[in-house]
C-alpha atoms as a PDB file:
ATOM      1  CA  UNK A   1      -0.058   1.849  13.970  1.00  0.00           C
ATOM      2  CA  UNK A   2      -3.289   1.542  15.967  1.00  0.00           C
ATOM      3  CA  UNK A   3      -5.707  -1.354  15.620  1.00  0.00           C
ATOM      4  CA  UNK A   4      -8.352   1.285  14.321  1.00  0.00           C
ATOM      5  CA  UNK A   5      -5.747   2.158  11.460  1.00  0.00           C
ATOM      6  CA  UNK A   6      -5.218  -1.468  10.866  1.00  0.00           C
ATOM      7  CA  UNK A   7      -8.908  -2.095  10.569  1.00  0.00           C
ATOM      8  CA  UNK A   8      -9.318   0.898   8.197  1.00  0.00           C
ATOM      9  CA  UNK A   9      -6.435  -0.340   6.073  1.00  0.00           C
ATOM     10  CA  UNK A  10      -7.941  -3.933   5.880  1.00  0.00           C
ATOM     11  CA  UNK A  11     -11.396  -2.584   5.061  1.00  0.00           C
ATOM     12  CA  UNK A  12      -9.938  -0.538   2.202  1.00  0.00           C
ATOM     13  CA  UNK A  13      -7.746  -3.293   0.844  1.00  0.00           C
ATOM     14  CA  UNK A  14     -10.642  -5.909   0.998  1.00  0.00           C
ATOM     15  CA  UNK A  15     -12.926  -3.476  -0.727  1.00  0.00           C
ATOM     16  CA  UNK A  16     -10.378  -3.178  -3.552  1.00  0.00           C
ATOM     17  CA  UNK A  17      -8.921  -6.706  -3.475  1.00  0.00           C
ATOM     18  CA  UNK A  18      -9.612  -7.133  -7.255  1.00  0.00           C
ATOM     19  CA  UNK A  19      -6.455  -4.943  -7.745  1.00  0.00           C
ATOM     20  CA  UNK A  20      -4.445  -7.530  -6.018  1.00  0.00           C
ATOM     21  CA  UNK A  21      -5.832 -10.571  -7.944  1.00  0.00           C
ATOM     22  CA  UNK A  22      -5.548  -8.814 -11.332  1.00  0.00           C
ATOM     23  CA  UNK A  23      -1.930  -7.591 -10.768  1.00  0.00           C
ATOM     24  CA  UNK A  24      -0.785 -10.996  -9.646  1.00  0.00           C
ATOM     25  CA  UNK A  25      -2.493 -12.763 -12.562  1.00  0.00           C
ATOM     26  CA  UNK A  26      -0.900 -10.314 -15.073  1.00  0.00           C
ATOM     27  CA  UNK A  27       2.605 -10.177 -13.419  1.00  0.00           C
ATOM     28  CA  UNK A  28       2.993 -13.786 -12.176  1.00  0.00           C
ATOM     29  CA  UNK A  29       2.070 -17.049 -14.189  1.00  0.00           C
ATOM     30  CA  UNK A  30       1.990 -19.835 -11.454  1.00  0.00           C
ATOM     31  CA  UNK A  31      -0.480 -19.973  -8.669  1.00  0.00           C
ATOM     32  CA  UNK A  32       2.461 -19.977  -6.108  1.00  0.00           C
ATOM     33  CA  UNK A  33       4.035 -16.926  -7.643  1.00  0.00           C
ATOM     34  CA  UNK A  34       0.800 -15.193  -7.633  1.00  0.00           C
ATOM     35  CA  UNK A  35       0.235 -15.699  -3.983  1.00  0.00           C
ATOM     36  CA  UNK A  36       3.822 -14.618  -3.324  1.00  0.00           C
ATOM     37  CA  UNK A  37       3.231 -11.293  -5.229  1.00  0.00           C
ATOM     38  CA  UNK A  38      -0.076 -10.757  -3.572  1.00  0.00           C
ATOM     39  CA  UNK A  39       1.759 -11.097  -0.187  1.00  0.00           C
ATOM     40  CA  UNK A  40       4.492  -8.764  -1.427  1.00  0.00           C
ATOM     41  CA  UNK A  41       2.020  -6.155  -2.613  1.00  0.00           C
ATOM     42  CA  UNK A  42       0.196  -6.466   0.885  1.00  0.00           C
ATOM     43  CA  UNK A  43       3.465  -5.799   2.634  1.00  0.00           C
ATOM     44  CA  UNK A  44       4.310  -2.727   0.478  1.00  0.00           C
ATOM     45  CA  UNK A  45       0.797  -1.504   0.849  1.00  0.00           C
ATOM     46  CA  UNK A  46       1.110  -1.768   4.577  1.00  0.00           C
ATOM     47  CA  UNK A  47       4.558  -0.263   4.852  1.00  0.00           C
ATOM     48  CA  UNK A  48       3.484   2.661   2.719  1.00  0.00           C
ATOM     49  CA  UNK A  49      -0.089   3.274   4.145  1.00  0.00           C
ATOM     50  CA  UNK A  50       1.282   5.796   6.576  1.00  0.00           C
ATOM     51  CA  UNK A  51       2.279   7.888   3.608  1.00  0.00           C
ATOM     52  CA  UNK A  52      -1.242   7.798   1.953  1.00  0.00           C
ATOM     53  CA  UNK A  53      -2.516  11.222   2.526  1.00  0.00           C
ATOM     54  CA  UNK A  54      -5.935  10.747   0.791  1.00  0.00           C
ATOM     55  CA  UNK A  55      -5.039  13.240  -2.088  1.00  0.00           C
ATOM     56  CA  UNK A  56      -6.185  10.500  -4.404  1.00  0.00           C
ATOM     57  CA  UNK A  57      -8.688   7.642  -4.071  1.00  0.00           C
ATOM     58  CA  UNK A  58      -7.409   4.724  -2.157  1.00  0.00           C
ATOM     59  CA  UNK A  59      -7.851   2.490  -5.317  1.00  0.00           C
ATOM     60  CA  UNK A  60      -5.724   4.783  -7.271  1.00  0.00           C
ATOM     61  CA  UNK A  61      -2.951   4.783  -4.737  1.00  0.00           C
ATOM     62  CA  UNK A  62      -3.255   0.980  -4.538  1.00  0.00           C
ATOM     63  CA  UNK A  63      -2.944   0.528  -8.315  1.00  0.00           C
ATOM     64  CA  UNK A  64       0.301   2.459  -8.211  1.00  0.00           C
ATOM     65  CA  UNK A  65       1.712   0.506  -5.339  1.00  0.00           C
ATOM     66  CA  UNK A  66       0.547  -2.811  -6.740  1.00  0.00           C
ATOM     67  CA  UNK A  67       2.074  -2.258 -10.217  1.00  0.00           C
ATOM     68  CA  UNK A  68       5.287  -0.666  -8.824  1.00  0.00           C
ATOM     69  CA  UNK A  69       5.714  -3.652  -6.495  1.00  0.00           C
ATOM     70  CA  UNK A  70       4.933  -6.184  -9.303  1.00  0.00           C
ATOM     71  CA  UNK A  71       7.563  -4.610 -11.506  1.00  0.00           C
ATOM     72  CA  UNK A  72      10.195  -4.432  -8.773  1.00  0.00           C
ATOM     73  CA  UNK A  73       9.367  -7.930  -7.559  1.00  0.00           C
ATOM     74  CA  UNK A  74      10.114  -9.352 -11.023  1.00  0.00           C
ATOM     75  CA  UNK A  75      13.238  -7.394 -11.349  1.00  0.00           C
ATOM     76  CA  UNK A  76      14.493  -9.057  -8.147  1.00  0.00           C
ATOM     77  CA  UNK A  77      13.979 -12.367  -9.964  1.00  0.00           C
ATOM     78  CA  UNK A  78      11.406 -13.314  -7.404  1.00  0.00           C
ATOM     79  CA  UNK A  79      13.780 -13.296  -4.456  1.00  0.00           C
ATOM     80  CA  UNK A  80      11.600 -12.809  -1.393  1.00  0.00           C
ATOM     81  CA  UNK A  81      12.300 -10.248   1.198  1.00  0.00           C
ATOM     82  CA  UNK A  82      12.415 -11.054   4.831  1.00  0.00           C
ATOM     83  CA  UNK A  83      10.105  -8.013   5.727  1.00  0.00           C
ATOM     84  CA  UNK A  84       7.124 -10.320   6.755  1.00  0.00           C
ATOM     85  CA  UNK A  85       7.763  -9.801  10.387  1.00  0.00           C
ATOM     86  CA  UNK A  86       6.697  -6.244  10.123  1.00  0.00           C
ATOM     87  CA  UNK A  87       3.321  -6.984   8.817  1.00  0.00           C
ATOM     88  CA  UNK A  88       0.538  -8.084  11.215  1.00  0.00           C
ATOM     89  CA  UNK A  89       0.292 -11.838  10.775  1.00  0.00           C
ATOM     90  CA  UNK A  90      -3.521 -11.580  10.639  1.00  0.00           C
ATOM     91  CA  UNK A  91      -3.802  -9.880   7.485  1.00  0.00           C
ATOM     92  CA  UNK A  92      -6.013 -11.848   5.296  1.00  0.00           C
ATOM     93  CA  UNK A  93      -7.711 -11.040   2.114  1.00  0.00           C
ATOM     94  CA  UNK A  94     -11.231 -12.529   1.769  1.00  0.00           C
ATOM     95  CA  UNK A  95     -11.303 -14.709  -1.317  1.00  0.00           C
ATOM     96  CA  UNK A  96     -15.056 -15.275  -1.720  1.00  0.00           C
ATOM     97  CA  UNK A  97     -16.511 -15.693  -5.262  1.00  0.00           C
ATOM     98  CA  UNK A  98     -13.092 -15.600  -7.094  1.00  0.00           C
ATOM     99  CA  UNK A  99     -12.226 -18.597  -9.066  1.00  0.00           C
ATOM    100  CA  UNK A 100     -10.982 -17.686 -12.615  1.00  0.00           C
ATOM    101  CA  UNK A 101      -9.495 -21.090 -13.196  1.00  0.00           C
ATOM    102  CA  UNK A 102     -13.015 -22.118 -14.300  1.00  0.00           C
ATOM    103  CA  UNK A 103     -13.174 -19.651 -17.196  1.00  0.00           C
ATOM    104  CA  UNK A 104     -10.929 -20.982 -19.939  1.00  0.00           C
ATOM    105  CA  UNK A 105     -10.931 -17.647 -22.063  1.00  0.00           C
ATOM    106  CA  UNK A 106      -9.712 -15.700 -18.887  1.00  0.00           C
ATOM    107  CA  UNK A 107      -6.833 -18.406 -18.464  1.00  0.00           C
ATOM    108  CA  UNK A 108      -5.994 -18.017 -22.218  1.00  0.00           C
ATOM    109  CA  UNK A 109      -6.038 -14.076 -21.832  1.00  0.00           C
ATOM    110  CA  UNK A 110      -3.836 -14.151 -18.889  1.00  0.00           C
ATOM    111  CA  UNK A 111      -1.533 -16.557 -20.484  1.00  0.00           C
ATOM    112  CA  UNK A 112      -1.009 -14.170 -23.498  1.00  0.00           C
ATOM    113  CA  UNK A 113      -0.640 -11.219 -21.084  1.00  0.00           C
ATOM    114  CA  UNK A 114       2.422 -13.000 -19.578  1.00  0.00           C
ATOM    115  CA  UNK A 115       4.190 -12.331 -22.776  1.00  0.00           C
ATOM    116  CA  UNK A 116       3.878  -8.546 -22.767  1.00  0.00           C
ATOM    117  CA  UNK A 117       6.484  -6.100 -21.558  1.00  0.00           C
ATOM    118  CA  UNK A 118       5.862  -4.517 -18.255  1.00  0.00           C
ATOM    119  CA  UNK A 119       4.451  -1.216 -19.643  1.00  0.00           C
ATOM    120  CA  UNK A 120       2.098  -3.089 -21.752  1.00  0.00           C
ATOM    121  CA  UNK A 121       0.937  -5.108 -18.780  1.00  0.00           C
ATOM    122  CA  UNK A 122       0.306  -1.898 -17.025  1.00  0.00           C
ATOM    123  CA  UNK A 123      -1.759  -0.446 -19.873  1.00  0.00           C
ATOM    124  CA  UNK A 124      -3.830  -3.392 -20.098  1.00  0.00           C
ATOM    125  CA  UNK A 125      -4.323  -3.696 -16.248  1.00  0.00           C
ATOM    126  CA  UNK A 126      -5.516  -0.033 -16.214  1.00  0.00           C
ATOM    127  CA  UNK A 127      -7.772  -0.666 -19.181  1.00  0.00           C
ATOM    128  CA  UNK A 128      -9.255  -3.592 -17.425  1.00  0.00           C
ATOM    129  CA  UNK A 129     -10.121  -1.389 -14.547  1.00  0.00           C
ATOM    130  CA  UNK A 130     -12.151   0.757 -16.835  1.00  0.00           C
ATOM    131  CA  UNK A 131      -9.775   3.760 -16.837  1.00  0.00           C
ATOM    132  CA  UNK A 132     -10.050   6.289 -19.699  1.00  0.00           C
ATOM    133  CA  UNK A 133      -7.067   6.966 -22.019  1.00  0.00           C
ATOM    134  CA  UNK A 134      -6.396  10.130 -20.073  1.00  0.00           C
ATOM    135  CA  UNK A 135      -6.385   8.314 -16.775  1.00  0.00           C
ATOM    136  CA  UNK A 136      -4.047   5.573 -18.175  1.00  0.00           C
ATOM    137  CA  UNK A 137      -1.736   8.288 -19.542  1.00  0.00           C
ATOM    138  CA  UNK A 138      -1.862  10.107 -16.184  1.00  0.00           C
ATOM    139  CA  UNK A 139      -0.836   6.855 -14.284  1.00  0.00           C
ATOM    140  CA  UNK A 140       2.056   6.046 -16.567  1.00  0.00           C
ATOM    141  CA  UNK A 141       3.324   9.464 -17.503  1.00  0.00           C
ATOM    142  CA  UNK A 142       2.030   9.263 -21.114  1.00  0.00           C
ATOM    143  CA  UNK A 143      -0.173  11.785 -23.180  1.00  0.00           C
ATOM    144  CA  UNK A 144      -3.704  10.732 -23.755  1.00  0.00           C
ATOM    145  CA  UNK A 145      -2.969  10.104 -27.413  1.00  0.00           C
ATOM    146  CA  UNK A 146       0.060   8.100 -26.622  1.00  0.00           C
ATOM    147  CA  UNK A 147      -1.849   6.060 -24.088  1.00  0.00           C
ATOM    148  CA  UNK A 148      -4.576   5.428 -26.775  1.00  0.00           C
ATOM    149  CA  UNK A 149      -1.983   4.177 -29.282  1.00  0.00           C
ATOM    150  CA  UNK A 150      -0.107   2.030 -26.657  1.00  0.00           C
ATOM    151  CA  UNK A 151      -3.513   0.464 -25.535  1.00  0.00           C
ATOM    152  CA  UNK A 152      -4.536  -0.375 -29.130  1.00  0.00           C
ATOM    153  CA  UNK A 153      -1.066  -1.927 -30.070  1.00  0.00           C
ATOM    154  CA  UNK A 154      -1.133  -3.903 -26.914  1.00  0.00           C
ATOM    155  CA  UNK A 155      -4.614  -5.289 -27.686  1.00  0.00           C
ATOM    156  CA  UNK A 156      -3.585  -6.233 -31.197  1.00  0.00           C
ATOM    157  CA  UNK A 157      -0.430  -7.797 -29.763  1.00  0.00           C
ATOM    158  CA  UNK A 158      -2.577  -9.920 -27.213  1.00  0.00           C
ATOM    159  CA  UNK A 159      -4.862 -11.098 -30.202  1.00  0.00           C
ATOM    160  CA  UNK A 160      -1.700 -12.062 -32.143  1.00  0.00           C
ATOM    161  CA  UNK A 161      -0.259 -14.095 -29.221  1.00  0.00           C
ATOM    162  CA  UNK A 162      -3.683 -15.910 -28.619  1.00  0.00           C
ATOM    163  CA  UNK A 163      -4.017 -16.648 -32.465  1.00  0.00           C
ATOM    164  CA  UNK A 164      -0.489 -18.120 -32.390  1.00  0.00           C
ATOM    165  CA  UNK A 165      -1.439 -20.398 -29.594  1.00  0.00           C
ATOM    166  CA  UNK A 166      -4.247 -21.759 -31.797  1.00  0.00           C
ATOM    167  CA  UNK A 167      -7.228 -20.454 -29.717  1.00  0.00           C
ATOM    168  CA  UNK A 168     -10.056 -19.241 -31.862  1.00  0.00           C
ATOM    169  CA  UNK A 169     -12.101 -16.318 -30.815  1.00  0.00           C
END
């Protein structure tokens, strides 16, 4: 692909880099695994970018790739692929102003999310992105009502996990 294509891709990814952070925090627990997952998501985004037709928002497409990659990554038991050579080595996501480790509540929340099932993690991820019940359902192949129920049950489950950990709201 051309350097212009590469620049457009990097601009779009940097604009929506929060998706990378949130996905990695939800699906990986250690900082090292989070970095590995972010790299894997970047690789998959780059490999499939030529198939992005613009029929949806870039961020919508990025969500799908990120979550699918995270789920696949976990299923492979975190075995790394050797596809890094296909990705330009100068891909770098800007990390300014992002340091969630300072926020204890956020750490506790992400710790609780680690105990969720993959579908529950996806529901919470989309909810955190401000998506409506209908949008969550559309992304996950659920009806709007089913997405609402799944989200409410998942929120309750997170609260129970946090309560069991001894943390007070």
